[in-house]
């Protein structure tokens, strides 16, 4: 990290349109089961807040391990994409997509220089973890997710969220963009089964804690508290397991060339519900198995988006939302299998503690 210091920038403090959503009921007010109160010696001084403000000391004065930025996170995203060749920068998003959506809205063409956006979020064929149908990251800012996903579409306007004008803070994308966004989704379908059990964690962390490792003490606190919270929610009849949602997504990024990672043969039209009272943040797919009339003709067309024959075939009576269209709808890649559900906990502990 001294050789390649990461840049740390502050993102927005609220979603694009929704009320701020916290997960402190599970993770505690600091997101780590109040580790800052339990182990104050492992927490930074309150002076950290000032390093992201204008007039703060230069980066090296605070930490040799990272560079704080005074610019908003979405500006840093755009700066890095502009300063590097196209298709050399990938983005990994393991939280709500607010800052990504802001970057895409401010300069869509600069944002589309990204090689790939990999997202931990959503629940496609499984239940949600925030509501019966929605995963937390997407529920926390469904409008942001919908806007970002829309960039994967041949026609982004077809899946853009419909929100009242008085709540709209971002403008629509241009009618024509240079290309579509490449987005790979790691939803709960793939992340939830990758667990670390309470007993395995205790057995493997104990020696590091006893050796006085600050990292082990820090991790042990919030992971152990997570197990306790799971037992409170689900009962103690079975050993609790903690799903490794974010780490699994990072593992994919680091080892994606492993052929054991699997994705569907075709990109999927996965859309985000932004206005439903009970379905807010839900990932919606068409399960009707109906054919798309223009699908066979697409391969023969040089420009399906403007081909009159394609557009004529594409107008299906009653298909108001374009689910049967070949030029509307999103085009997402989705991780559906990994090198191993059971081995990841071992990989993770080895990576962190050696």
Protein backbone atom coordinates (compact mmCIF):
# COMPACT_ATOMS: atom_id res chain seq x y z
CA UNK A 1 0.00 0.00 0.00
CA UNK A 2 2.98 2.30 0.40
CA UNK A 3 3.92 1.68 -3.23
CA UNK A 4 0.38 2.08 -4.57
CA UNK A 5 -1.52 4.20 -2.09
CA UNK A 6 -5.28 4.03 -2.60
CA UNK A 7 -7.21 7.27 -2.91
CA UNK A 8 -9.97 7.69 -0.33
CA UNK A 9 -12.78 10.08 -1.24
CA UNK A 10 -16.04 10.85 0.55
CA UNK A 11 -19.29 9.94 -1.18
CA UNK A 12 -22.76 11.48 -0.86
CA UNK A 13 -24.45 11.28 2.53
CA UNK A 14 -27.93 10.45 1.21
CA UNK A 15 -29.57 8.56 -1.69
CA UNK A 16 -30.59 10.28 -4.91
CA UNK A 17 -34.31 10.43 -4.10
CA UNK A 18 -35.10 8.19 -1.14
CA UNK A 19 -34.80 8.69 2.59
CA UNK A 20 -31.46 7.72 4.11
CA UNK A 21 -31.41 4.03 5.03
CA UNK A 22 -29.22 2.65 7.78
CA UNK A 23 -28.42 -0.95 8.69
CA UNK A 24 -27.51 -0.12 12.28
CA UNK A 25 -30.15 -2.58 13.51
CA UNK A 26 -27.71 -5.30 12.42
CA UNK A 27 -24.26 -3.72 12.05
CA UNK A 28 -24.39 -1.08 14.79
CA UNK A 29 -24.20 2.68 14.41
CA UNK A 30 -20.63 2.58 13.04
CA UNK A 31 -21.28 -0.35 10.71
CA UNK A 32 -18.94 -2.59 12.71
CA UNK A 33 -20.97 -3.40 15.82
CA UNK A 34 -19.63 -0.36 17.68
CA UNK A 35 -16.02 -1.51 17.57
CA UNK A 36 -14.95 2.11 18.01
CA UNK A 37 -16.44 2.16 21.49
CA UNK A 38 -15.29 -1.32 22.47
CA UNK A 39 -11.73 -0.82 21.20
CA UNK A 40 -10.99 2.92 21.11
CA UNK A 41 -7.28 2.19 20.74
CA UNK A 42 -8.01 0.72 17.30
CA UNK A 43 -9.98 3.75 16.13
CA UNK A 44 -8.62 6.86 14.40
CA UNK A 45 -8.76 10.20 16.13
CA UNK A 46 -11.67 12.47 15.25
CA UNK A 47 -9.21 14.63 13.31
CA UNK A 48 -9.67 12.29 10.33
CA UNK A 49 -12.79 14.24 9.35
CA UNK A 50 -10.75 17.32 8.57
CA UNK A 51 -8.41 15.71 6.05
CA UNK A 52 -11.15 15.65 3.40
CA UNK A 53 -11.83 19.38 3.70
CA UNK A 54 -10.28 22.29 1.84
CA UNK A 55 -7.29 23.64 3.68
CA UNK A 56 -6.44 20.29 5.25
CA UNK A 57 -2.88 19.07 5.47
CA UNK A 58 -1.42 17.20 2.54
CA UNK A 59 -2.01 13.46 2.30
CA UNK A 60 1.33 12.29 3.62
CA UNK A 61 0.90 14.29 6.80
CA UNK A 62 -1.91 12.03 7.95
CA UNK A 63 -1.16 8.51 6.78
CA UNK A 64 1.47 6.80 4.63
CA UNK A 65 -1.08 4.20 3.54
CA UNK A 66 -3.70 6.22 1.67
CA UNK A 67 -4.25 9.53 -0.05
CA UNK A 68 -7.32 11.47 1.10
CA UNK A 69 -9.09 13.43 -1.61
CA UNK A 70 -10.88 16.71 -1.08
CA UNK A 71 -12.99 16.06 -4.20
CA UNK A 72 -16.33 14.20 -4.02
CA UNK A 73 -16.02 10.52 -4.82
CA UNK A 74 -17.87 10.75 -8.13
CA UNK A 75 -15.44 13.42 -9.31
CA UNK A 76 -12.53 11.13 -8.42
CA UNK A 77 -14.16 8.33 -10.42
CA UNK A 78 -14.41 10.55 -13.49
CA UNK A 79 -10.90 11.95 -13.06
CA UNK A 80 -9.34 8.49 -12.93
CA UNK A 81 -11.34 7.29 -15.94
CA UNK A 82 -10.32 10.35 -17.98
CA UNK A 83 -6.64 10.12 -17.04
CA UNK A 84 -6.31 6.46 -18.00
CA UNK A 85 -6.78 4.70 -21.35
CA UNK A 86 -10.24 3.38 -22.12
CA UNK A 87 -10.92 -0.16 -20.85
CA UNK A 88 -8.07 -0.14 -18.33
CA UNK A 89 -10.02 0.82 -15.19
CA UNK A 90 -12.63 -1.42 -13.56
CA UNK A 91 -14.96 -0.34 -10.75
CA UNK A 92 -15.98 -2.58 -7.87
CA UNK A 93 -19.10 -1.41 -6.03
CA UNK A 94 -20.02 -3.12 -2.76
CA UNK A 95 -22.48 -0.54 -1.46
CA UNK A 96 -25.39 1.53 -2.79
CA UNK A 97 -24.64 2.91 -6.27
CA UNK A 98 -25.23 6.58 -5.45
CA UNK A 99 -21.73 7.84 -6.25
CA UNK A 100 -21.54 5.68 -9.39
CA UNK A 101 -24.87 7.09 -10.59
CA UNK A 102 -23.66 10.65 -9.94
CA UNK A 103 -20.51 10.05 -11.99
CA UNK A 104 -22.51 8.53 -14.85
CA UNK A 105 -24.98 11.41 -14.84
CA UNK A 106 -22.34 14.14 -14.79
CA UNK A 107 -20.36 12.80 -17.75
CA UNK A 108 -21.84 9.65 -19.33
CA UNK A 109 -19.18 9.31 -22.03
CA UNK A 110 -16.32 9.64 -19.56
CA UNK A 111 -17.99 7.08 -17.32
CA UNK A 112 -18.37 4.65 -20.23
CA UNK A 113 -14.58 4.54 -20.54
CA UNK A 114 -14.74 2.00 -17.69
CA UNK A 115 -13.69 -1.54 -18.57
CA UNK A 116 -16.32 -3.10 -16.32
CA UNK A 117 -18.49 -2.29 -13.34
CA UNK A 118 -18.82 -5.18 -10.89
CA UNK A 119 -21.67 -4.76 -8.42
CA UNK A 120 -22.55 -6.58 -5.22
CA UNK A 121 -26.28 -6.16 -5.05
CA UNK A 122 -29.73 -7.42 -5.79
CA UNK A 123 -31.64 -10.65 -5.37
CA UNK A 124 -32.74 -12.28 -8.63
CA UNK A 125 -34.06 -15.76 -7.88
CA UNK A 126 -33.87 -15.69 -4.09
CA UNK A 127 -35.46 -13.69 -1.29
CA UNK A 128 -34.07 -10.32 -0.25
CA UNK A 129 -32.21 -9.54 2.97
CA UNK A 130 -33.67 -6.06 3.57
CA UNK A 131 -37.25 -6.79 2.51
CA UNK A 132 -38.80 -10.04 1.23
CA UNK A 133 -37.74 -9.09 -2.31
CA UNK A 134 -34.92 -6.53 -2.03
CA UNK A 135 -31.24 -6.64 -1.11
CA UNK A 136 -29.92 -3.81 1.08
CA UNK A 137 -27.60 -2.02 -1.36
CA UNK A 138 -30.25 -1.77 -4.05
CA UNK A 139 -33.04 -0.95 -1.62
CA UNK A 140 -30.95 1.86 -0.10
CA UNK A 141 -30.80 3.68 -3.45
CA UNK A 142 -32.98 1.95 -6.00
CA UNK A 143 -33.04 4.99 -8.29
CA UNK A 144 -29.24 5.01 -8.47
CA UNK A 145 -29.16 1.29 -9.29
CA UNK A 146 -31.83 1.71 -11.97
CA UNK A 147 -29.96 4.60 -13.60
CA UNK A 148 -26.67 2.70 -13.65
CA UNK A 149 -28.23 -0.52 -14.96
CA UNK A 150 -29.92 1.50 -17.72
CA UNK A 151 -26.51 2.22 -19.24
CA UNK A 152 -26.24 -1.47 -20.16
CA UNK A 153 -29.27 -1.10 -22.44
CA UNK A 154 -29.13 -0.41 -26.19
CA UNK A 155 -31.78 2.19 -25.35
CA UNK A 156 -31.15 3.52 -21.80
CA UNK A 157 -34.38 5.53 -21.75
CA UNK A 158 -36.34 2.26 -21.82
CA UNK A 159 -35.37 1.35 -18.26
CA UNK A 160 -34.69 4.70 -16.64
CA UNK A 161 -36.62 5.18 -13.37
CA UNK A 162 -39.80 7.20 -13.51
CA UNK A 163 -39.74 9.66 -10.63
CA UNK A 164 -41.65 12.89 -9.99
CA UNK A 165 -40.04 15.96 -11.53
CA UNK A 166 -39.74 17.68 -8.14
CA UNK A 167 -37.63 14.77 -6.88
CA UNK A 168 -35.48 14.45 -9.98
CA UNK A 169 -31.99 15.80 -9.38
CA UNK A 170 -30.17 14.25 -12.34
CA UNK A 171 -30.78 14.79 -16.03
CA UNK A 172 -31.51 12.04 -18.53
CA UNK A 173 -28.73 10.43 -20.56
CA UNK A 174 -28.16 11.60 -24.15
CA UNK A 175 -30.25 9.78 -26.75
CA UNK A 176 -27.14 8.32 -28.36
CA UNK A 177 -24.13 7.05 -26.42
CA UNK A 178 -20.88 5.65 -27.80
CA UNK A 179 -21.37 2.23 -26.25
CA UNK A 180 -23.15 0.21 -23.57
CA UNK A 181 -21.87 -0.29 -20.04
CA UNK A 182 -20.43 -3.70 -19.20
CA UNK A 183 -21.85 -4.61 -15.79
CA UNK A 184 -21.42 -7.85 -13.86
CA UNK A 185 -23.77 -8.47 -10.94
CA UNK A 186 -22.97 -10.53 -7.84
CA UNK A 187 -26.42 -10.81 -6.23
CA UNK A 188 -27.50 -12.59 -3.06
CA UNK A 189 -28.08 -15.68 -5.20
CA UNK A 190 -24.31 -16.24 -5.37
CA UNK A 191 -23.04 -14.39 -2.27
CA UNK A 192 -25.36 -15.78 0.41
CA UNK A 193 -24.24 -19.44 0.10
CA UNK A 194 -20.61 -18.44 0.67
CA UNK A 195 -20.55 -18.61 4.46
CA UNK A 196 -18.09 -18.60 7.30
CA UNK A 197 -19.34 -20.51 10.33
CA UNK A 198 -19.02 -19.35 13.92
CA UNK A 199 -16.93 -22.31 15.04
CA UNK A 200 -14.57 -22.18 12.07
CA UNK A 201 -14.00 -18.46 12.61
CA UNK A 202 -13.31 -18.83 16.34
CA UNK A 203 -10.87 -21.66 15.77
CA UNK A 204 -8.92 -19.75 13.14
CA UNK A 205 -8.91 -16.29 14.72
CA UNK A 206 -8.03 -17.25 18.29
CA UNK A 207 -4.28 -17.70 17.82
CA UNK A 208 -3.98 -14.33 16.10
CA UNK A 209 -5.92 -12.61 18.89
CA UNK A 210 -3.74 -14.25 21.55
CA UNK A 211 -0.64 -13.15 19.65
CA UNK A 212 -1.81 -9.56 20.04
CA UNK A 213 -2.66 -8.81 16.43
CA UNK A 214 -4.59 -5.50 16.32
CA UNK A 215 -6.22 -6.61 13.06
CA UNK A 216 -7.38 -9.87 14.63
CA UNK A 217 -8.82 -8.05 17.66
CA UNK A 218 -10.65 -5.62 15.40
CA UNK A 219 -12.07 -8.29 13.08
CA UNK A 220 -12.90 -10.65 15.94
CA UNK A 221 -15.07 -8.03 17.61
CA UNK A 222 -17.44 -7.24 14.78
CA UNK A 223 -17.58 -10.74 13.29
CA UNK A 224 -18.34 -12.31 16.68
CA UNK A 225 -21.03 -9.69 17.27
CA UNK A 226 -22.46 -10.54 13.85
CA UNK A 227 -22.79 -14.17 14.84
CA UNK A 228 -24.58 -13.14 18.03
CA UNK A 229 -26.98 -10.97 16.05
CA UNK A 230 -27.72 -13.83 13.67
CA UNK A 231 -28.48 -16.10 16.63
CA UNK A 232 -30.85 -13.45 18.02
CA UNK A 233 -32.66 -13.26 14.69
CA UNK A 234 -32.72 -16.94 13.72
CA UNK A 235 -32.38 -18.80 17.01
CA UNK A 236 -29.48 -20.86 18.31
CA UNK A 237 -30.64 -24.30 17.19
CA UNK A 238 -28.05 -24.31 14.39
CA UNK A 239 -24.54 -22.92 14.15
CA UNK A 240 -24.79 -19.40 12.72
CA UNK A 241 -23.09 -18.65 9.43
CA UNK A 242 -22.14 -15.21 8.15
CA UNK A 243 -22.64 -14.68 4.41
CA UNK A 244 -19.57 -13.11 2.83
CA UNK A 245 -21.32 -10.83 0.35
CA UNK A 246 -18.69 -8.15 -0.24
CA UNK A 247 -15.60 -10.39 0.10
CA UNK A 248 -17.06 -12.84 -2.43
CA UNK A 249 -17.43 -10.01 -4.94
CA UNK A 250 -13.82 -8.97 -4.36
CA UNK A 251 -12.74 -12.60 -4.81
CA UNK A 252 -14.46 -12.63 -8.19
CA UNK A 253 -12.55 -9.54 -9.26
CA UNK A 254 -9.23 -11.01 -8.16
CA UNK A 255 -9.71 -14.48 -9.67
CA UNK A 256 -12.19 -13.92 -12.48
CA UNK A 257 -10.01 -15.80 -14.99
CA UNK A 258 -10.64 -19.03 -13.08
CA UNK A 259 -12.94 -21.08 -15.36
CA UNK A 260 -14.92 -22.23 -12.32
CA UNK A 261 -16.60 -18.83 -12.20
CA UNK A 262 -19.80 -19.19 -14.21
CA UNK A 263 -22.18 -16.70 -15.81
CA UNK A 264 -25.25 -17.27 -18.03
CA UNK A 265 -24.61 -17.73 -21.75
CA UNK A 266 -26.62 -14.61 -22.58
CA UNK A 267 -26.80 -11.22 -20.92
CA UNK A 268 -29.97 -10.79 -18.87
CA UNK A 269 -32.63 -8.09 -18.82
CA UNK A 270 -32.69 -7.39 -15.08
CA UNK A 271 -34.51 -4.23 -14.01
CA UNK A 272 -34.90 -2.40 -10.72
CA UNK A 273 -38.28 -1.49 -9.25
CA UNK A 274 -38.13 2.09 -7.97
CA UNK A 275 -41.74 3.04 -7.24
CA UNK A 276 -43.43 0.01 -5.69
CA UNK A 277 -44.64 0.31 -2.11
CA UNK A 278 -43.78 -3.30 -1.29
CA UNK A 279 -41.35 -4.08 -4.12
CA UNK A 280 -38.98 -1.10 -3.91
CA UNK A 281 -35.47 -2.23 -4.87
CA UNK A 282 -36.66 -5.56 -6.27
CA UNK A 283 -34.75 -7.03 -9.23
CA UNK A 284 -37.35 -7.90 -11.85
CA UNK A 285 -36.90 -10.44 -14.66
CA UNK A 286 -39.34 -11.78 -17.25
CA UNK A 287 -40.06 -15.44 -16.46
CA UNK A 288 -42.79 -15.88 -19.08
CA UNK A 289 -40.56 -17.66 -21.63
CA UNK A 290 -42.15 -15.77 -24.51
CA UNK A 291 -40.17 -15.36 -27.72
CA UNK A 292 -38.91 -12.02 -28.97
CA UNK A 293 -40.17 -11.55 -32.55
CA UNK A 294 -37.13 -9.53 -33.67
CA UNK A 295 -34.49 -11.74 -32.06
CA UNK A 296 -33.66 -13.82 -35.15
CA UNK A 297 -33.24 -10.72 -37.30
CA UNK A 298 -30.79 -9.00 -34.94
CA UNK A 299 -27.83 -11.11 -36.04
CA UNK A 300 -28.36 -10.04 -39.65
CA UNK A 301 -28.53 -6.33 -38.89
CA UNK A 302 -25.56 -3.98 -38.69
CA UNK A 303 -27.43 -1.47 -36.56
CA UNK A 304 -30.49 -3.00 -34.85
CA UNK A 305 -31.28 0.22 -33.00
CA UNK A 306 -32.02 2.02 -36.26
CA UNK A 307 -32.97 -0.83 -38.60
CA UNK A 308 -36.58 -0.23 -39.76
CA UNK A 309 -37.20 -3.96 -40.15
CA UNK A 310 -36.02 -4.66 -36.60
CA UNK A 311 -38.00 -1.77 -35.17
CA UNK A 312 -41.16 -2.95 -36.92
CA UNK A 313 -40.80 -6.50 -35.61
CA UNK A 314 -39.96 -5.09 -32.20
CA UNK A 315 -43.33 -3.40 -31.74
CA UNK A 316 -45.23 -6.19 -29.98
CA UNK A 317 -48.86 -5.35 -29.13
CA UNK A 318 -49.35 -5.11 -25.38
CA UNK A 319 -45.62 -5.08 -24.62
CA UNK A 320 -45.71 -1.60 -23.12
CA UNK A 321 -42.47 -1.93 -21.15
CA UNK A 322 -40.36 -3.59 -23.84
CA UNK A 323 -39.80 -6.94 -22.20
CA UNK A 324 -40.06 -8.64 -25.61
CA UNK A 325 -37.91 -6.03 -27.35
CA UNK A 326 -34.39 -6.53 -28.66
CA UNK A 327 -33.51 -2.83 -28.42
CA UNK A 328 -35.04 -2.09 -25.02
CA UNK A 329 -34.28 -3.49 -21.59
CA UNK A 330 -31.04 -3.93 -19.68
CA UNK A 331 -28.15 -6.28 -20.52
CA UNK A 332 -26.48 -7.52 -17.33
CA UNK A 333 -23.92 -10.23 -16.79
CA UNK A 334 -24.51 -12.21 -13.58
CA UNK A 335 -22.25 -14.50 -11.56
CA UNK A 336 -24.05 -17.80 -10.93
CA UNK A 337 -21.27 -20.09 -9.67
CA UNK A 338 -17.83 -19.84 -8.08
CA UNK A 339 -14.70 -21.96 -7.60
CA UNK A 340 -16.28 -23.31 -4.41
CA UNK A 341 -18.78 -22.36 -1.72
CA UNK A 342 -16.89 -24.31 0.94
CA UNK A 343 -13.35 -23.18 0.17
CA UNK A 344 -13.89 -19.44 0.20
CA UNK A 345 -13.79 -19.07 3.98
CA UNK A 346 -10.34 -20.67 3.92
CA UNK A 347 -9.18 -18.42 1.10
CA UNK A 348 -10.45 -15.36 2.97
CA UNK A 349 -8.80 -16.15 6.30
CA UNK A 350 -5.53 -17.00 4.57
CA UNK A 351 -5.58 -13.75 2.61
CA UNK A 352 -6.19 -11.65 5.71
CA UNK A 353 -4.12 -13.37 8.37
CA UNK A 354 -1.64 -15.52 6.43
